[in-house]
Amino acid sequence: MLNSLLPMLLLAAVFRPVAMEDTGGASQAFAHYLASIDRAPARGPETIEIDASLPKLKKQGTLRAIRRINAAGEPEFQVLETGGDRMVRQQVIERYLTAQITAAEIPASSVAITPANYEFRYQGVVETGDTEAYAFQIKPRKKRAGLIAGELWLDAETGLPVRQSGRLVKSPSFFVRSVGITRETVLARGAARKLVTHLSVETRLVGPADLTVTETPLEVIYANLVP
């Protein structure tokens, strides 16, 4: 019983609604979101497709791979296909994959979008296709690597995150001026079926770089192949 009440008690301490709008549904969605973080399953093998470009140089590159998490909790990539400009693959895509491996060394709890790391402020209801979501402004409590300032949208029915957007509050590298992120999750039957991340990176060496990263669990792909 106490475990079921903890999300609501924590919510009362950090949830700051706007104006006089009824926030009962948003409060419940937020509580479901906090509970879902604790019971999130381990990530299985996924396909990862990356489309990257350097707009000023008019160069593009692509990569398709399978990502698995090894026993040490680190991502390993089995490259299936590459294409496009070699410079984009080396300077943008490979650097992104290296950053993924480095990020795995950071404790997940230190960058999770939770009240321990963020302040939340309810913004209102937003339309997401045929469904609705509750939008929250998120502000990091500390300027730490991996945290973003922006918005979090939670599905009104399940409380699962369907959109995260904003900018990293701390640059991951001297060669990177800033990083903008938009991450959208496709839900089906109350579970995540696809994750699409858009990155806008302002670099010191080659100007702006754009990446679109699409992640799909292999189990979803196999299920779609079954007649």
Protein backbone atom coordinates (compact mmCIF):
# COMPACT_ATOMS: atom_id res chain seq x y z
CA MET A 1 0.00 0.00 0.00
CA LEU A 2 2.81 2.41 0.86
CA ASN A 3 4.53 1.75 -2.47
CA SER A 4 1.32 2.64 -4.30
CA LEU A 5 1.07 5.92 -2.39
CA LEU A 6 4.68 7.01 -2.81
CA PRO A 7 4.27 8.40 -6.35
CA MET A 8 1.30 10.52 -5.23
CA LEU A 9 3.11 11.78 -2.12
CA LEU A 10 6.16 12.65 -4.18
CA LEU A 11 3.92 14.29 -6.73
CA ALA A 12 2.46 16.63 -4.13
CA ALA A 13 5.95 17.91 -3.34
CA VAL A 14 7.09 18.66 -6.89
CA PHE A 15 4.01 19.09 -9.05
CA ARG A 16 3.11 22.73 -9.59
CA PRO A 17 -0.03 23.12 -11.75
CA VAL A 18 -0.86 26.30 -13.64
CA ALA A 19 -3.82 28.58 -12.95
CA MET A 20 -7.11 26.97 -11.85
CA GLU A 21 -7.21 24.21 -14.45
CA ASP A 22 -8.35 20.78 -13.28
CA THR A 23 -5.15 18.74 -13.09
CA GLY A 24 -6.54 15.49 -11.71
CA GLY A 25 -5.86 13.54 -14.91
CA ALA A 26 -2.38 15.01 -15.23
CA SER A 27 -1.61 14.11 -11.62
CA GLN A 28 -2.59 10.49 -12.20
CA ALA A 29 -0.61 10.29 -15.43
CA PHE A 30 2.43 11.69 -13.64
CA ALA A 31 2.07 9.12 -10.85
CA HIS A 32 1.83 6.31 -13.44
CA TYR A 33 4.92 7.70 -15.14
CA LEU A 34 6.95 7.62 -11.91
CA ALA A 35 5.82 4.06 -11.21
CA SER A 36 6.69 2.94 -14.76
CA ILE A 37 10.30 4.07 -14.33
CA ASP A 38 10.82 1.62 -11.48
CA ARG A 39 9.38 -1.33 -13.37
CA ALA A 40 10.89 -0.56 -16.78
CA PRO A 41 12.09 -3.85 -18.37
CA ALA A 42 15.67 -4.40 -19.46
CA ARG A 43 16.30 -3.35 -23.05
CA GLY A 44 16.58 -6.18 -25.52
CA PRO A 45 18.21 -6.14 -28.97
CA GLU A 46 17.11 -3.23 -31.16
CA THR A 47 17.63 -2.07 -34.69
CA ILE A 48 19.04 1.44 -34.91
CA GLU A 49 18.85 3.50 -38.08
CA ILE A 50 20.73 6.80 -38.28
CA ASP A 51 20.29 9.46 -40.95
CA ALA A 52 22.80 12.29 -40.53
CA SER A 53 23.69 15.42 -42.47
CA LEU A 54 25.99 18.44 -42.50
CA PRO A 55 23.72 21.06 -44.09
CA LYS A 56 26.40 23.67 -44.78
CA LEU A 57 28.54 21.12 -46.58
CA LYS A 58 25.53 19.45 -48.24
CA LYS A 59 26.72 16.03 -47.15
CA GLN A 60 24.68 13.11 -45.82
CA GLY A 61 25.32 9.66 -44.40
CA THR A 62 23.38 6.68 -43.06
CA LEU A 63 23.91 3.65 -40.87
CA ARG A 64 21.78 0.66 -39.93
CA ALA A 65 22.84 -1.63 -37.09
CA ILE A 66 21.67 -3.94 -34.34
CA ARG A 67 22.36 -2.74 -30.81
CA ARG A 68 22.70 -5.20 -27.96
CA ILE A 69 23.51 -4.58 -24.31
CA ASN A 70 26.35 -6.79 -23.04
CA ALA A 71 26.78 -8.26 -19.58
CA ALA A 72 28.57 -5.11 -18.40
CA GLY A 73 25.58 -2.98 -19.42
CA GLU A 74 27.40 -1.43 -22.38
CA PRO A 75 25.92 -1.11 -25.88
CA GLU A 76 27.49 -3.13 -28.69
CA PHE A 77 26.72 -2.40 -32.33
CA GLN A 78 26.55 -4.90 -35.18
CA VAL A 79 26.70 -2.74 -38.29
CA LEU A 80 24.47 -4.04 -41.08
CA GLU A 81 24.72 -1.29 -43.65
CA THR A 82 26.29 2.12 -44.22
CA GLY A 83 25.90 4.67 -46.97
CA GLY A 84 26.48 8.24 -48.02
CA ASP A 85 29.42 10.51 -47.40
CA ARG A 86 32.39 9.09 -45.50
CA MET A 87 33.03 12.35 -43.62
CA VAL A 88 29.49 12.34 -42.21
CA ARG A 89 29.82 8.72 -41.15
CA GLN A 90 33.12 9.36 -39.36
CA GLN A 91 32.57 12.83 -37.90
CA VAL A 92 28.88 12.57 -37.03
CA ILE A 93 27.55 9.00 -36.91
CA GLU A 94 30.61 7.32 -35.38
CA ARG A 95 30.90 10.11 -32.81
CA TYR A 96 27.26 9.55 -31.89
CA LEU A 97 27.83 5.81 -31.38
CA THR A 98 30.90 6.55 -29.26
CA ALA A 99 28.83 8.98 -27.17
CA GLN A 100 26.29 6.20 -26.62
CA ILE A 101 28.98 3.96 -25.18
CA THR A 102 30.30 6.77 -22.97
CA ALA A 103 26.78 7.59 -21.77
CA ALA A 104 26.33 3.99 -20.62
CA GLU A 105 28.98 4.65 -17.97
CA ILE A 106 26.77 7.30 -16.34
CA PRO A 107 24.33 5.88 -13.73
CA ALA A 108 20.84 5.92 -15.24
CA SER A 109 19.40 7.35 -12.03
CA SER A 110 21.53 10.51 -12.38
CA VAL A 111 20.01 11.47 -15.75
CA ALA A 112 16.50 10.03 -15.47
CA ILE A 113 13.65 12.52 -15.80
CA THR A 114 12.51 12.21 -12.20
CA PRO A 115 11.87 14.63 -9.32
CA ALA A 116 15.34 13.83 -7.99
CA ASN A 117 16.89 15.48 -11.04
CA TYR A 118 14.20 17.85 -12.31
CA GLU A 119 11.61 20.40 -11.32
CA PHE A 120 8.25 19.87 -13.06
CA ARG A 121 5.58 22.39 -13.96
CA TYR A 122 2.30 21.38 -15.58
CA GLN A 123 1.62 23.21 -18.87
CA GLY A 124 -1.68 21.76 -20.08
CA VAL A 125 -3.22 19.25 -22.48
CA VAL A 126 -1.76 18.74 -25.97
CA GLU A 127 -3.03 16.75 -28.95
CA THR A 128 -0.90 13.84 -30.18
CA GLY A 129 -2.61 12.52 -33.25
CA ASP A 130 -5.78 10.71 -32.15
CA THR A 131 -4.92 10.89 -28.46
CA GLU A 132 -4.06 13.47 -25.82
CA ALA A 133 -1.05 14.01 -23.61
CA TYR A 134 -0.17 16.16 -20.62
CA ALA A 135 2.71 18.58 -21.12
CA PHE A 136 5.17 19.39 -18.34
CA GLN A 137 7.99 21.89 -18.35
CA ILE A 138 11.14 20.24 -17.03
CA LYS A 139 14.05 22.12 -15.50
CA PRO A 140 17.19 20.35 -14.21
CA ARG A 141 17.98 20.92 -10.56
CA LYS A 142 21.70 20.95 -11.40
CA LYS A 143 23.71 21.71 -14.53
CA ARG A 144 24.92 18.17 -15.15
CA ALA A 145 25.87 16.20 -18.26
CA GLY A 146 22.95 14.37 -19.84
CA LEU A 147 20.18 16.62 -18.47
CA ILE A 148 17.93 18.74 -20.68
CA ALA A 149 15.80 21.85 -20.16
CA GLY A 150 12.53 21.66 -22.07
CA GLU A 151 9.28 19.70 -22.04
CA LEU A 152 8.00 16.21 -21.27
CA TRP A 153 4.69 14.93 -22.66
CA LEU A 154 2.93 12.02 -20.96
CA ASP A 155 0.26 9.92 -22.64
CA ALA A 156 -3.08 10.72 -20.99
CA GLU A 157 -4.15 7.08 -20.82
CA THR A 158 -0.97 5.27 -19.74
CA GLY A 159 1.29 8.00 -18.33
CA LEU A 160 4.09 6.80 -20.63
CA PRO A 161 6.37 9.47 -22.12
CA VAL A 162 5.52 10.18 -25.76
CA ARG A 163 7.68 13.25 -26.34
CA GLN A 164 10.74 14.85 -24.76
CA SER A 165 12.22 18.02 -26.18
CA GLY A 166 14.72 20.69 -25.19
CA ARG A 167 18.44 21.40 -25.08
CA LEU A 168 21.26 19.82 -23.12
CA VAL A 169 22.18 22.10 -20.23
CA LYS A 170 25.82 21.08 -20.50
CA SER A 171 27.77 20.50 -23.70
CA PRO A 172 29.13 16.94 -23.96
CA SER A 173 32.35 18.11 -25.64
CA PHE A 174 34.50 21.17 -26.27
CA PHE A 175 33.86 20.64 -29.99
CA VAL A 176 30.08 20.93 -29.50
CA ARG A 177 28.49 24.31 -28.82
CA SER A 178 24.95 23.09 -28.13
CA VAL A 179 22.63 20.13 -28.63
CA GLY A 180 18.88 20.30 -29.24
CA ILE A 181 16.86 17.11 -28.73
CA THR A 182 13.37 15.97 -29.67
CA ARG A 183 12.52 12.37 -28.79
CA GLU A 184 9.17 10.86 -29.76
CA THR A 185 7.88 7.45 -28.70
CA VAL A 186 5.33 5.51 -30.74
CA LEU A 187 2.99 3.57 -28.47
CA ALA A 188 0.86 0.54 -29.35
CA ARG A 189 -1.28 -1.43 -26.93
CA GLY A 190 0.17 0.46 -23.98
CA ALA A 191 3.83 -0.22 -24.81
CA ALA A 192 6.64 1.54 -26.66
CA ARG A 193 7.04 0.22 -30.20
CA LYS A 194 9.44 2.76 -31.72
CA LEU A 195 11.64 5.63 -30.55
CA VAL A 196 12.58 8.45 -32.93
CA THR A 197 15.18 11.00 -31.80
CA HIS A 198 16.03 14.19 -33.66
CA LEU A 199 19.31 15.88 -32.73
CA SER A 200 20.40 19.35 -33.83
CA VAL A 201 24.08 19.73 -32.96
CA GLU A 202 26.01 22.97 -33.34
CA THR A 203 29.67 22.02 -33.72
CA ARG A 204 32.79 24.19 -33.69
CA LEU A 205 34.46 22.39 -36.59
CA VAL A 206 31.85 21.66 -39.26
CA GLY A 207 28.91 23.87 -38.28
CA PRO A 208 25.44 22.39 -37.71
CA ALA A 209 24.87 18.65 -37.83
CA ASP A 210 21.45 16.99 -37.92
CA LEU A 211 20.70 13.42 -36.91
CA THR A 212 17.53 11.33 -36.92
CA VAL A 213 17.88 8.12 -34.94
CA THR A 214 15.13 5.48 -35.15
CA GLU A 215 15.19 2.63 -32.63
CA THR A 216 12.89 -0.39 -32.91
CA PRO A 217 12.98 -3.50 -30.69
CA LEU A 218 13.75 -6.63 -32.70
CA GLU A 219 10.79 -8.38 -31.14
CA VAL A 220 8.49 -5.76 -32.70
CA ILE A 221 10.06 -6.26 -36.13
CA TYR A 222 9.75 -10.04 -35.89
CA ALA A 223 6.13 -9.74 -34.75
CA ASN A 224 5.32 -7.64 -37.81
CA LEU A 225 6.84 -10.31 -40.07
CA VAL A 226 4.54 -13.05 -38.78
CA PRO A 227 1.51 -13.38 -41.10
